[in-house]
């Protein structure tokens, strides 16, 4: 089995091919109730904050929750940082747990209690949620479904005129190749196409733990064995038939959300990396350089916040350690 370190080194070698943008603007989302507000949300929101965006969504990934210790502590830190901002939804883009253990899901839900209501949670699987070598992939997916009351590991939610679709990886141990890539079944792809067809009038945001090939940082190059999706042609064909898909969110790389290349606009879809609350990669040289110009920064923790206003959508990067916004990014999508 190829190690995570080897996979990351292979991906890092093609980092220079990433594309992105730094500061853009989003248009209004049709059908959302009118409400106005300042250009950016405040760094710290008081309990009586006014005005508020029409919809505020915390976008997190890769908490790698463990029963106790580092993973749990870092997730608790991120939740506490965002709680005063009162998100309407909390989206977790995979690797919710470190090994897919029942006890890790219990800790994750315990940490969310008091901050995130069940109806506010959007969550999907990542490769680490299938990492328990004592259990089958199907057993681990059952643990995920039971933890969140899902019938399938994939799901969707409509809020006003916004449609959230949470795609899910389904294989790791049974993957015939590239186990850390996203593996989606024919059943899931049929569901994806049908659920999009039911909501063609909705502004659609899709989440999948692993970035699609040749989109954001660490997803480029033919030798990339760590980041990608084996059903890329099918997904691209589905999106071509469903132009309402405007945002594609991913985690997996642990690259800080503010890093160059973590936003890319391709064929009318904006691809965005969310970072990680567990640890993030930081630039490194010399002896510290162990991942193609990067090192693991175990103190770092970051994610994004999405604010939908009547006339724009603002997506910002957050540092949960310093509790500050990082390089605000306002992304323009054509209607």
C-alpha atoms as a PDB file:
ATOM      1  CA  UNK A   1       0.000   0.000   0.000  1.00  0.00           C
ATOM      2  CA  UNK A   2       1.357   3.388  -0.970  1.00  0.00           C
ATOM      3  CA  UNK A   3       1.643   5.670   2.050  1.00  0.00           C
ATOM      4  CA  UNK A   4      -0.171   8.987   2.383  1.00  0.00           C
ATOM      5  CA  UNK A   5       3.250  10.672   2.387  1.00  0.00           C
ATOM      6  CA  UNK A   6       4.189   9.061  -0.934  1.00  0.00           C
ATOM      7  CA  UNK A   7       0.869  10.022  -2.430  1.00  0.00           C
ATOM      8  CA  UNK A   8       1.237  13.604  -1.334  1.00  0.00           C
ATOM      9  CA  UNK A   9       4.761  13.857  -2.656  1.00  0.00           C
ATOM     10  CA  UNK A  10       3.540  12.649  -6.038  1.00  0.00           C
ATOM     11  CA  UNK A  11       0.776  15.227  -6.049  1.00  0.00           C
ATOM     12  CA  UNK A  12       3.048  18.019  -4.877  1.00  0.00           C
ATOM     13  CA  UNK A  13       5.350  17.473  -7.830  1.00  0.00           C
ATOM     14  CA  UNK A  14       2.652  18.859 -10.127  1.00  0.00           C
ATOM     15  CA  UNK A  15       1.621  21.759  -7.914  1.00  0.00           C
ATOM     16  CA  UNK A  16       2.891  24.324 -10.386  1.00  0.00           C
ATOM     17  CA  UNK A  17       0.110  23.413 -12.822  1.00  0.00           C
ATOM     18  CA  UNK A  18      -2.681  24.663 -10.556  1.00  0.00           C
ATOM     19  CA  UNK A  19      -4.876  27.557 -11.655  1.00  0.00           C
ATOM     20  CA  UNK A  20      -6.816  30.014  -9.524  1.00  0.00           C
ATOM     21  CA  UNK A  21      -7.925  33.554  -8.942  1.00  0.00           C
ATOM     22  CA  UNK A  22      -7.495  35.980  -6.091  1.00  0.00           C
ATOM     23  CA  UNK A  23     -10.331  38.471  -5.878  1.00  0.00           C
ATOM     24  CA  UNK A  24     -13.592  38.228  -7.820  1.00  0.00           C
ATOM     25  CA  UNK A  25     -17.276  38.940  -7.223  1.00  0.00           C
ATOM     26  CA  UNK A  26     -20.398  36.778  -7.318  1.00  0.00           C
ATOM     27  CA  UNK A  27     -23.724  37.922  -8.765  1.00  0.00           C
ATOM     28  CA  UNK A  28     -27.033  37.650  -6.959  1.00  0.00           C
ATOM     29  CA  UNK A  29     -28.737  34.267  -6.681  1.00  0.00           C
ATOM     30  CA  UNK A  30     -32.185  34.480  -8.337  1.00  0.00           C
ATOM     31  CA  UNK A  31     -35.178  33.895  -6.118  1.00  0.00           C
ATOM     32  CA  UNK A  32     -33.503  34.642  -2.784  1.00  0.00           C
ATOM     33  CA  UNK A  33     -35.429  36.982  -0.493  1.00  0.00           C
ATOM     34  CA  UNK A  34     -34.061  40.556  -0.686  1.00  0.00           C
ATOM     35  CA  UNK A  35     -31.884  41.768   2.154  1.00  0.00           C
ATOM     36  CA  UNK A  36     -28.923  44.126   2.163  1.00  0.00           C
ATOM     37  CA  UNK A  37     -25.753  44.243   4.140  1.00  0.00           C
ATOM     38  CA  UNK A  38     -22.158  45.408   4.309  1.00  0.00           C
ATOM     39  CA  UNK A  39     -19.683  44.251   1.676  1.00  0.00           C
ATOM     40  CA  UNK A  40     -18.055  41.720   4.016  1.00  0.00           C
ATOM     41  CA  UNK A  41     -19.233  40.105   7.264  1.00  0.00           C
ATOM     42  CA  UNK A  42     -17.597  41.492  10.402  1.00  0.00           C
ATOM     43  CA  UNK A  43     -14.640  39.616  11.868  1.00  0.00           C
ATOM     44  CA  UNK A  44     -16.611  39.104  15.065  1.00  0.00           C
ATOM     45  CA  UNK A  45     -20.402  39.061  14.901  1.00  0.00           C
ATOM     46  CA  UNK A  46     -22.352  40.167  17.980  1.00  0.00           C
ATOM     47  CA  UNK A  47     -25.390  38.144  18.991  1.00  0.00           C
ATOM     48  CA  UNK A  48     -27.690  40.861  17.634  1.00  0.00           C
ATOM     49  CA  UNK A  49     -25.792  41.247  14.349  1.00  0.00           C
ATOM     50  CA  UNK A  50     -27.800  43.135  11.743  1.00  0.00           C
ATOM     51  CA  UNK A  51     -28.140  42.988   8.901  1.00  0.00           C
ATOM     52  CA  UNK A  52     -27.364  39.334   8.248  1.00  0.00           C
ATOM     53  CA  UNK A  53     -26.912  37.571   4.927  1.00  0.00           C
ATOM     54  CA  UNK A  54     -29.857  35.631   3.540  1.00  0.00           C
ATOM     55  CA  UNK A  55     -27.931  32.418   4.141  1.00  0.00           C
ATOM     56  CA  UNK A  56     -24.652  31.813   5.990  1.00  0.00           C
ATOM     57  CA  UNK A  57     -22.862  28.463   5.660  1.00  0.00           C
ATOM     58  CA  UNK A  58     -19.735  27.336   7.501  1.00  0.00           C
ATOM     59  CA  UNK A  59     -17.648  25.311   5.037  1.00  0.00           C
ATOM     60  CA  UNK A  60     -15.314  22.919   6.859  1.00  0.00           C
ATOM     61  CA  UNK A  61     -13.380  19.806   5.917  1.00  0.00           C
ATOM     62  CA  UNK A  62     -11.023  17.183   7.278  1.00  0.00           C
ATOM     63  CA  UNK A  63     -11.542  17.446  11.039  1.00  0.00           C
ATOM     64  CA  UNK A  64     -10.241  13.846  11.341  1.00  0.00           C
ATOM     65  CA  UNK A  65     -12.129  13.530  14.615  1.00  0.00           C
ATOM     66  CA  UNK A  66     -10.588  11.161  17.136  1.00  0.00           C
ATOM     67  CA  UNK A  67     -12.057  10.018  20.435  1.00  0.00           C
ATOM     68  CA  UNK A  68      -9.842  12.580  22.158  1.00  0.00           C
ATOM     69  CA  UNK A  69      -6.653  14.519  21.609  1.00  0.00           C
ATOM     70  CA  UNK A  70      -5.521  16.633  18.678  1.00  0.00           C
ATOM     71  CA  UNK A  71      -8.360  16.022  16.200  1.00  0.00           C
ATOM     72  CA  UNK A  72     -11.084  16.607  18.755  1.00  0.00           C
ATOM     73  CA  UNK A  73      -9.382  19.682  20.189  1.00  0.00           C
ATOM     74  CA  UNK A  74      -8.881  21.319  16.790  1.00  0.00           C
ATOM     75  CA  UNK A  75     -12.510  20.715  15.784  1.00  0.00           C
ATOM     76  CA  UNK A  76     -13.706  22.190  19.080  1.00  0.00           C
ATOM     77  CA  UNK A  77     -11.535  25.253  18.388  1.00  0.00           C
ATOM     78  CA  UNK A  78     -13.067  25.775  14.933  1.00  0.00           C
ATOM     79  CA  UNK A  79     -16.626  25.346  16.209  1.00  0.00           C
ATOM     80  CA  UNK A  80     -16.025  27.898  18.960  1.00  0.00           C
ATOM     81  CA  UNK A  81     -14.558  30.350  16.446  1.00  0.00           C
ATOM     82  CA  UNK A  82     -17.582  30.174  14.135  1.00  0.00           C
ATOM     83  CA  UNK A  83     -20.318  29.924  16.775  1.00  0.00           C
ATOM     84  CA  UNK A  84     -20.638  33.733  17.338  1.00  0.00           C
ATOM     85  CA  UNK A  85     -21.166  34.133  13.567  1.00  0.00           C
ATOM     86  CA  UNK A  86     -24.276  31.936  13.842  1.00  0.00           C
ATOM     87  CA  UNK A  87     -24.117  29.952  10.571  1.00  0.00           C
ATOM     88  CA  UNK A  88     -27.468  28.746   9.255  1.00  0.00           C
ATOM     89  CA  UNK A  89     -25.807  25.575   7.964  1.00  0.00           C
ATOM     90  CA  UNK A  90     -22.601  23.712   8.766  1.00  0.00           C
ATOM     91  CA  UNK A  91     -21.082  21.741   5.889  1.00  0.00           C
ATOM     92  CA  UNK A  92     -18.369  19.129   6.476  1.00  0.00           C
ATOM     93  CA  UNK A  93     -16.687  17.935   3.275  1.00  0.00           C
ATOM     94  CA  UNK A  94     -15.402  14.518   4.331  1.00  0.00           C
ATOM     95  CA  UNK A  95     -12.816  12.914   6.608  1.00  0.00           C
ATOM     96  CA  UNK A  96     -15.202  13.594   9.448  1.00  0.00           C
ATOM     97  CA  UNK A  97     -13.353  10.876  11.366  1.00  0.00           C
ATOM     98  CA  UNK A  98      -9.756   9.709  11.345  1.00  0.00           C
ATOM     99  CA  UNK A  99     -10.493   5.990  10.904  1.00  0.00           C
ATOM    100  CA  UNK A 100     -14.262   5.673  10.518  1.00  0.00           C
ATOM    101  CA  UNK A 101     -14.739   4.284  14.039  1.00  0.00           C
ATOM    102  CA  UNK A 102     -18.125   4.369  15.745  1.00  0.00           C
ATOM    103  CA  UNK A 103     -16.515   6.043  18.775  1.00  0.00           C
ATOM    104  CA  UNK A 104     -15.094   8.797  16.533  1.00  0.00           C
ATOM    105  CA  UNK A 105     -18.539   9.568  15.121  1.00  0.00           C
ATOM    106  CA  UNK A 106     -19.847   9.714  18.692  1.00  0.00           C
ATOM    107  CA  UNK A 107     -17.147  12.249  19.604  1.00  0.00           C
ATOM    108  CA  UNK A 108     -17.875  14.318  16.481  1.00  0.00           C
ATOM    109  CA  UNK A 109     -21.577  14.529  17.354  1.00  0.00           C
ATOM    110  CA  UNK A 110     -20.806  15.289  20.987  1.00  0.00           C
ATOM    111  CA  UNK A 111     -18.569  18.196  19.977  1.00  0.00           C
ATOM    112  CA  UNK A 112     -21.257  19.598  17.676  1.00  0.00           C
ATOM    113  CA  UNK A 113     -23.962  19.386  20.349  1.00  0.00           C
ATOM    114  CA  UNK A 114     -24.994  22.815  21.552  1.00  0.00           C
ATOM    115  CA  UNK A 115     -23.574  24.512  18.468  1.00  0.00           C
ATOM    116  CA  UNK A 116     -24.931  22.667  15.421  1.00  0.00           C
ATOM    117  CA  UNK A 117     -28.519  21.438  15.257  1.00  0.00           C
ATOM    118  CA  UNK A 118     -29.218  18.211  13.389  1.00  0.00           C
ATOM    119  CA  UNK A 119     -31.161  20.009  10.655  1.00  0.00           C
ATOM    120  CA  UNK A 120     -28.237  22.419  10.127  1.00  0.00           C
ATOM    121  CA  UNK A 121     -25.690  19.696   9.336  1.00  0.00           C
ATOM    122  CA  UNK A 122     -24.504  18.708   5.858  1.00  0.00           C
ATOM    123  CA  UNK A 123     -21.856  15.980   5.824  1.00  0.00           C
ATOM    124  CA  UNK A 124     -20.252  13.488   3.469  1.00  0.00           C
ATOM    125  CA  UNK A 125     -17.603  10.770   3.518  1.00  0.00           C
ATOM    126  CA  UNK A 126     -13.895  11.031   2.822  1.00  0.00           C
ATOM    127  CA  UNK A 127     -11.232   8.373   2.343  1.00  0.00           C
ATOM    128  CA  UNK A 128     -10.345   8.420   6.058  1.00  0.00           C
ATOM    129  CA  UNK A 129     -13.929   7.541   6.950  1.00  0.00           C
ATOM    130  CA  UNK A 130     -13.159   4.155   5.352  1.00  0.00           C
ATOM    131  CA  UNK A 131      -9.714   3.655   6.944  1.00  0.00           C
ATOM    132  CA  UNK A 132     -10.604   1.059   9.605  1.00  0.00           C
ATOM    133  CA  UNK A 133      -8.776  -2.015   8.315  1.00  0.00           C
ATOM    134  CA  UNK A 134     -10.764  -4.292  10.629  1.00  0.00           C
ATOM    135  CA  UNK A 135     -14.041  -3.423   8.867  1.00  0.00           C
ATOM    136  CA  UNK A 136     -15.302  -3.628   5.297  1.00  0.00           C
ATOM    137  CA  UNK A 137     -16.100  -0.528   3.272  1.00  0.00           C
ATOM    138  CA  UNK A 138     -19.789  -1.410   3.516  1.00  0.00           C
ATOM    139  CA  UNK A 139     -19.581  -1.699   7.299  1.00  0.00           C
ATOM    140  CA  UNK A 140     -17.913   1.690   7.553  1.00  0.00           C
ATOM    141  CA  UNK A 141     -20.515   3.296   5.292  1.00  0.00           C
ATOM    142  CA  UNK A 142     -23.179   1.785   7.540  1.00  0.00           C
ATOM    143  CA  UNK A 143     -21.535   3.443  10.547  1.00  0.00           C
ATOM    144  CA  UNK A 144     -21.640   6.771   8.697  1.00  0.00           C
ATOM    145  CA  UNK A 145     -25.316   6.357   7.745  1.00  0.00           C
ATOM    146  CA  UNK A 146     -26.321   5.385  11.256  1.00  0.00           C
ATOM    147  CA  UNK A 147     -24.358   8.255  12.812  1.00  0.00           C
ATOM    148  CA  UNK A 148     -26.281  10.837  10.779  1.00  0.00           C
ATOM    149  CA  UNK A 149     -29.554   9.053  10.074  1.00  0.00           C
ATOM    150  CA  UNK A 150     -28.951   8.819   6.322  1.00  0.00           C
ATOM    151  CA  UNK A 151     -30.360   6.184   3.970  1.00  0.00           C
ATOM    152  CA  UNK A 152     -27.332   6.569   1.692  1.00  0.00           C
ATOM    153  CA  UNK A 153     -23.879   8.087   2.180  1.00  0.00           C
ATOM    154  CA  UNK A 154     -24.767  10.737  -0.414  1.00  0.00           C
ATOM    155  CA  UNK A 155     -27.453  13.347   0.270  1.00  0.00           C
ATOM    156  CA  UNK A 156     -28.906  16.701  -0.751  1.00  0.00           C
ATOM    157  CA  UNK A 157     -30.725  19.640   0.825  1.00  0.00           C
ATOM    158  CA  UNK A 158     -32.668  22.571  -0.630  1.00  0.00           C
ATOM    159  CA  UNK A 159     -32.753  25.863   1.280  1.00  0.00           C
ATOM    160  CA  UNK A 160     -34.723  28.559  -0.504  1.00  0.00           C
ATOM    161  CA  UNK A 161     -33.294  28.780  -3.993  1.00  0.00           C
ATOM    162  CA  UNK A 162     -30.015  27.053  -3.097  1.00  0.00           C
ATOM    163  CA  UNK A 163     -29.483  23.323  -3.662  1.00  0.00           C
ATOM    164  CA  UNK A 164     -26.702  21.548  -1.760  1.00  0.00           C
ATOM    165  CA  UNK A 165     -25.543  18.173  -3.113  1.00  0.00           C
ATOM    166  CA  UNK A 166     -23.199  16.044  -1.004  1.00  0.00           C
ATOM    167  CA  UNK A 167     -21.488  13.401  -3.143  1.00  0.00           C
ATOM    168  CA  UNK A 168     -19.643  10.629  -1.296  1.00  0.00           C
ATOM    169  CA  UNK A 169     -16.703   8.315  -1.837  1.00  0.00           C
ATOM    170  CA  UNK A 170     -17.766   4.680  -1.400  1.00  0.00           C
ATOM    171  CA  UNK A 171     -14.582   2.606  -1.628  1.00  0.00           C
ATOM    172  CA  UNK A 172     -11.129   2.440  -0.162  1.00  0.00           C
ATOM    173  CA  UNK A 173     -10.211  -1.136   0.767  1.00  0.00           C
ATOM    174  CA  UNK A 174     -12.145  -2.540  -2.193  1.00  0.00           C
ATOM    175  CA  UNK A 175     -10.865   0.042  -4.683  1.00  0.00           C
ATOM    176  CA  UNK A 176      -9.023  -1.798  -7.487  1.00  0.00           C
ATOM    177  CA  UNK A 177      -6.595   1.123  -7.814  1.00  0.00           C
ATOM    178  CA  UNK A 178      -6.021   4.672  -6.511  1.00  0.00           C
ATOM    179  CA  UNK A 179      -7.732   3.992  -3.158  1.00  0.00           C
ATOM    180  CA  UNK A 180      -7.491   7.585  -1.948  1.00  0.00           C
ATOM    181  CA  UNK A 181      -9.333   8.913  -4.990  1.00  0.00           C
ATOM    182  CA  UNK A 182     -13.118   9.319  -4.872  1.00  0.00           C
ATOM    183  CA  UNK A 183     -15.030   6.207  -5.940  1.00  0.00           C
ATOM    184  CA  UNK A 184     -18.699   6.754  -6.859  1.00  0.00           C
ATOM    185  CA  UNK A 185     -21.031   3.895  -7.791  1.00  0.00           C
ATOM    186  CA  UNK A 186     -23.332   3.811 -10.816  1.00  0.00           C
ATOM    187  CA  UNK A 187     -26.225   4.118  -8.363  1.00  0.00           C
ATOM    188  CA  UNK A 188     -24.852   7.357  -6.941  1.00  0.00           C
ATOM    189  CA  UNK A 189     -24.227   8.814 -10.396  1.00  0.00           C
ATOM    190  CA  UNK A 190     -27.812   8.018 -11.452  1.00  0.00           C
ATOM    191  CA  UNK A 191     -29.043   9.693  -8.265  1.00  0.00           C
ATOM    192  CA  UNK A 192     -26.851  12.728  -8.908  1.00  0.00           C
ATOM    193  CA  UNK A 193     -28.280  13.190 -12.384  1.00  0.00           C
ATOM    194  CA  UNK A 194     -31.868  12.699 -11.224  1.00  0.00           C
ATOM    195  CA  UNK A 195     -31.656  15.028  -8.225  1.00  0.00           C
ATOM    196  CA  UNK A 196     -30.148  17.752 -10.407  1.00  0.00           C
ATOM    197  CA  UNK A 197     -32.948  17.276 -12.927  1.00  0.00           C
ATOM    198  CA  UNK A 198     -35.478  17.821 -10.137  1.00  0.00           C
ATOM    199  CA  UNK A 199     -33.932  21.193  -9.261  1.00  0.00           C
ATOM    200  CA  UNK A 200     -32.829  22.781 -12.530  1.00  0.00           C
ATOM    201  CA  UNK A 201     -33.991  26.193 -11.290  1.00  0.00           C
ATOM    202  CA  UNK A 202     -31.807  26.108  -8.168  1.00  0.00           C
ATOM    203  CA  UNK A 203     -28.354  27.620  -7.624  1.00  0.00           C
ATOM    204  CA  UNK A 204     -26.434  24.393  -6.981  1.00  0.00           C
ATOM    205  CA  UNK A 205     -23.426  23.783  -4.747  1.00  0.00           C
ATOM    206  CA  UNK A 206     -21.784  20.338  -4.924  1.00  0.00           C
ATOM    207  CA  UNK A 207     -19.403  18.881  -2.331  1.00  0.00           C
ATOM    208  CA  UNK A 208     -17.062  15.923  -2.842  1.00  0.00           C
ATOM    209  CA  UNK A 209     -14.160  15.234  -0.515  1.00  0.00           C
ATOM    210  CA  UNK A 210     -11.473  14.731  -3.171  1.00  0.00           C
ATOM    211  CA  UNK A 211     -10.902  17.519  -5.712  1.00  0.00           C
ATOM    212  CA  UNK A 212     -11.599  16.651  -9.328  1.00  0.00           C
ATOM    213  CA  UNK A 213      -8.536  16.257 -11.512  1.00  0.00           C
ATOM    214  CA  UNK A 214      -6.948  19.394 -12.936  1.00  0.00           C
ATOM    215  CA  UNK A 215      -8.988  21.881 -10.917  1.00  0.00           C
ATOM    216  CA  UNK A 216      -7.412  23.215  -7.709  1.00  0.00           C
ATOM    217  CA  UNK A 217      -4.044  22.822  -5.966  1.00  0.00           C
ATOM    218  CA  UNK A 218      -2.635  19.270  -5.874  1.00  0.00           C
ATOM    219  CA  UNK A 219      -5.099  17.929  -8.416  1.00  0.00           C
ATOM    220  CA  UNK A 220      -2.923  18.283 -11.529  1.00  0.00           C
ATOM    221  CA  UNK A 221      -0.731  15.905 -13.496  1.00  0.00           C
ATOM    222  CA  UNK A 222      -0.936  12.437 -15.000  1.00  0.00           C
ATOM    223  CA  UNK A 223       1.088  10.875 -12.150  1.00  0.00           C
ATOM    224  CA  UNK A 224      -1.253  12.166  -9.433  1.00  0.00           C
ATOM    225  CA  UNK A 225      -2.129   9.139  -7.319  1.00  0.00           C
ATOM    226  CA  UNK A 226      -3.623  11.009  -4.363  1.00  0.00           C
ATOM    227  CA  UNK A 227      -6.192  13.520  -5.600  1.00  0.00           C
ATOM    228  CA  UNK A 228      -8.916  12.770  -8.108  1.00  0.00           C
ATOM    229  CA  UNK A 229     -12.142  10.946  -8.955  1.00  0.00           C
ATOM    230  CA  UNK A 230     -12.329   7.818 -11.095  1.00  0.00           C
ATOM    231  CA  UNK A 231     -15.742   8.877 -12.464  1.00  0.00           C
ATOM    232  CA  UNK A 232     -14.554  12.246 -13.762  1.00  0.00           C
ATOM    233  CA  UNK A 233     -15.883  11.799 -17.347  1.00  0.00           C
ATOM    234  CA  UNK A 234     -19.346  10.900 -16.079  1.00  0.00           C
ATOM    235  CA  UNK A 235     -19.415  13.809 -13.628  1.00  0.00           C
ATOM    236  CA  UNK A 236     -18.299  16.246 -16.298  1.00  0.00           C
ATOM    237  CA  UNK A 237     -21.028  15.002 -18.645  1.00  0.00           C
ATOM    238  CA  UNK A 238     -23.666  15.409 -15.940  1.00  0.00           C
ATOM    239  CA  UNK A 239     -22.503  18.944 -15.148  1.00  0.00           C
ATOM    240  CA  UNK A 240     -22.524  19.839 -18.848  1.00  0.00           C
ATOM    241  CA  UNK A 241     -26.212  18.932 -18.903  1.00  0.00           C
ATOM    242  CA  UNK A 242     -26.870  20.849 -15.658  1.00  0.00           C
ATOM    243  CA  UNK A 243     -25.502  24.359 -15.886  1.00  0.00           C
ATOM    244  CA  UNK A 244     -27.102  25.288 -12.557  1.00  0.00           C
ATOM    245  CA  UNK A 245     -24.060  23.731 -10.834  1.00  0.00           C
ATOM    246  CA  UNK A 246     -21.992  26.806  -9.956  1.00  0.00           C
ATOM    247  CA  UNK A 247     -19.813  25.868  -6.981  1.00  0.00           C
ATOM    248  CA  UNK A 248     -17.807  22.675  -6.365  1.00  0.00           C
ATOM    249  CA  UNK A 249     -16.321  22.281  -2.876  1.00  0.00           C
ATOM    250  CA  UNK A 250     -13.587  19.869  -1.799  1.00  0.00           C
ATOM    251  CA  UNK A 251     -11.164  19.109   1.018  1.00  0.00           C
ATOM    252  CA  UNK A 252      -8.648  16.234   1.170  1.00  0.00           C
ATOM    253  CA  UNK A 253      -5.450  18.145   0.323  1.00  0.00           C
ATOM    254  CA  UNK A 254      -5.098  19.927   3.697  1.00  0.00           C
ATOM    255  CA  UNK A 255      -3.824  22.914   1.753  1.00  0.00           C
ATOM    256  CA  UNK A 256      -4.640  26.194   3.524  1.00  0.00           C
ATOM    257  CA  UNK A 257      -7.709  27.768   1.885  1.00  0.00           C
ATOM    258  CA  UNK A 258      -5.854  31.018   1.226  1.00  0.00           C
ATOM    259  CA  UNK A 259      -3.091  29.322  -0.804  1.00  0.00           C
ATOM    260  CA  UNK A 260      -2.688  30.257  -4.449  1.00  0.00           C
ATOM    261  CA  UNK A 261      -4.465  27.790  -6.723  1.00  0.00           C
ATOM    262  CA  UNK A 262      -7.167  26.830  -4.234  1.00  0.00           C
ATOM    263  CA  UNK A 263      -9.814  28.552  -6.358  1.00  0.00           C
ATOM    264  CA  UNK A 264     -10.291  27.762 -10.051  1.00  0.00           C
ATOM    265  CA  UNK A 265     -13.059  28.708 -12.488  1.00  0.00           C
ATOM    266  CA  UNK A 266     -13.498  26.181 -15.292  1.00  0.00           C
ATOM    267  CA  UNK A 267     -16.371  25.878 -17.772  1.00  0.00           C
ATOM    268  CA  UNK A 268     -18.720  27.944 -15.636  1.00  0.00           C
ATOM    269  CA  UNK A 269     -18.040  26.053 -12.392  1.00  0.00           C
ATOM    270  CA  UNK A 270     -15.924  27.498  -9.577  1.00  0.00           C
ATOM    271  CA  UNK A 271     -13.861  24.885  -7.718  1.00  0.00           C
ATOM    272  CA  UNK A 272     -12.856  25.746  -4.145  1.00  0.00           C
ATOM    273  CA  UNK A 273     -10.589  24.013  -1.634  1.00  0.00           C
ATOM    274  CA  UNK A 274     -11.722  24.297   1.974  1.00  0.00           C
ATOM    275  CA  UNK A 275      -8.552  23.589   3.939  1.00  0.00           C
ATOM    276  CA  UNK A 276      -8.587  21.494   7.113  1.00  0.00           C
ATOM    277  CA  UNK A 277      -9.172  21.994  10.813  1.00  0.00           C
ATOM    278  CA  UNK A 278      -6.860  19.039  11.682  1.00  0.00           C
ATOM    279  CA  UNK A 279      -3.589  20.290  10.164  1.00  0.00           C
ATOM    280  CA  UNK A 280      -2.593  22.197   7.040  1.00  0.00           C
ATOM    281  CA  UNK A 281       0.369  22.299   4.696  1.00  0.00           C
ATOM    282  CA  UNK A 282       2.682  25.306   4.877  1.00  0.00           C
ATOM    283  CA  UNK A 283       5.532  26.304   2.547  1.00  0.00           C
ATOM    284  CA  UNK A 284       8.885  24.818   3.568  1.00  0.00           C
ATOM    285  CA  UNK A 285      12.485  24.716   2.427  1.00  0.00           C
ATOM    286  CA  UNK A 286      15.545  22.718   3.357  1.00  0.00           C
ATOM    287  CA  UNK A 287      15.183  19.937   5.886  1.00  0.00           C
ATOM    288  CA  UNK A 288      11.576  20.914   6.626  1.00  0.00           C
ATOM    289  CA  UNK A 289      10.580  20.335   2.997  1.00  0.00           C
ATOM    290  CA  UNK A 290       9.079  16.836   3.040  1.00  0.00           C
ATOM    291  CA  UNK A 291       6.156  17.259   0.641  1.00  0.00           C
ATOM    292  CA  UNK A 292       7.386  18.946  -2.522  1.00  0.00           C
ATOM    293  CA  UNK A 293       7.928  22.401  -1.048  1.00  0.00           C
ATOM    294  CA  UNK A 294       5.585  21.991   1.928  1.00  0.00           C
ATOM    295  CA  UNK A 295       5.517  20.703   5.489  1.00  0.00           C
ATOM    296  CA  UNK A 296       2.712  19.631   7.794  1.00  0.00           C
ATOM    297  CA  UNK A 297       1.761  22.457  10.169  1.00  0.00           C
ATOM    298  CA  UNK A 298      -0.028  20.715  13.013  1.00  0.00           C
ATOM    299  CA  UNK A 299      -0.919  24.001  14.682  1.00  0.00           C
ATOM    300  CA  UNK A 300      -2.703  25.408  11.621  1.00  0.00           C
ATOM    301  CA  UNK A 301      -6.463  25.221  11.173  1.00  0.00           C
ATOM    302  CA  UNK A 302      -8.588  26.811   8.466  1.00  0.00           C
ATOM    303  CA  UNK A 303     -11.862  26.709   6.564  1.00  0.00           C
ATOM    304  CA  UNK A 304     -14.243  29.022   4.694  1.00  0.00           C
ATOM    305  CA  UNK A 305     -17.489  30.875   5.313  1.00  0.00           C
ATOM    306  CA  UNK A 306     -20.082  31.356   2.582  1.00  0.00           C
ATOM    307  CA  UNK A 307     -22.450  34.340   2.902  1.00  0.00           C
ATOM    308  CA  UNK A 308     -25.278  34.704   0.417  1.00  0.00           C
ATOM    309  CA  UNK A 309     -26.732  38.212   0.128  1.00  0.00           C
ATOM    310  CA  UNK A 310     -29.484  39.376  -2.204  1.00  0.00           C
ATOM    311  CA  UNK A 311     -26.984  40.891  -4.627  1.00  0.00           C
ATOM    312  CA  UNK A 312     -23.807  38.841  -4.119  1.00  0.00           C
ATOM    313  CA  UNK A 313     -22.219  35.807  -2.547  1.00  0.00           C
ATOM    314  CA  UNK A 314     -19.079  36.242  -0.444  1.00  0.00           C
ATOM    315  CA  UNK A 315     -16.754  33.323   0.289  1.00  0.00           C
ATOM    316  CA  UNK A 316     -13.968  34.011   2.765  1.00  0.00           C
ATOM    317  CA  UNK A 317     -11.044  32.049   4.230  1.00  0.00           C
ATOM    318  CA  UNK A 318     -10.725  31.798   8.014  1.00  0.00           C
ATOM    319  CA  UNK A 319      -7.771  31.093  10.309  1.00  0.00           C
ATOM    320  CA  UNK A 320      -9.195  29.400  13.413  1.00  0.00           C
ATOM    321  CA  UNK A 321      -6.000  29.873  15.421  1.00  0.00           C
ATOM    322  CA  UNK A 322      -5.706  33.649  15.064  1.00  0.00           C
ATOM    323  CA  UNK A 323      -9.487  33.987  14.605  1.00  0.00           C
ATOM    324  CA  UNK A 324      -9.024  36.247  11.594  1.00  0.00           C
ATOM    325  CA  UNK A 325     -10.128  36.325   7.954  1.00  0.00           C
ATOM    326  CA  UNK A 326      -7.446  35.497   5.381  1.00  0.00           C
ATOM    327  CA  UNK A 327      -7.201  37.206   1.987  1.00  0.00           C
ATOM    328  CA  UNK A 328     -10.936  37.731   1.299  1.00  0.00           C
ATOM    329  CA  UNK A 329     -12.045  36.105  -1.939  1.00  0.00           C
ATOM    330  CA  UNK A 330     -15.215  37.222  -3.693  1.00  0.00           C
ATOM    331  CA  UNK A 331     -15.820  34.877  -6.603  1.00  0.00           C
ATOM    332  CA  UNK A 332     -17.720  35.878  -9.735  1.00  0.00           C
ATOM    333  CA  UNK A 333     -19.923  33.330 -11.457  1.00  0.00           C
ATOM    334  CA  UNK A 334     -21.750  34.190 -14.659  1.00  0.00           C
ATOM    335  CA  UNK A 335     -25.542  33.602 -14.486  1.00  0.00           C
END
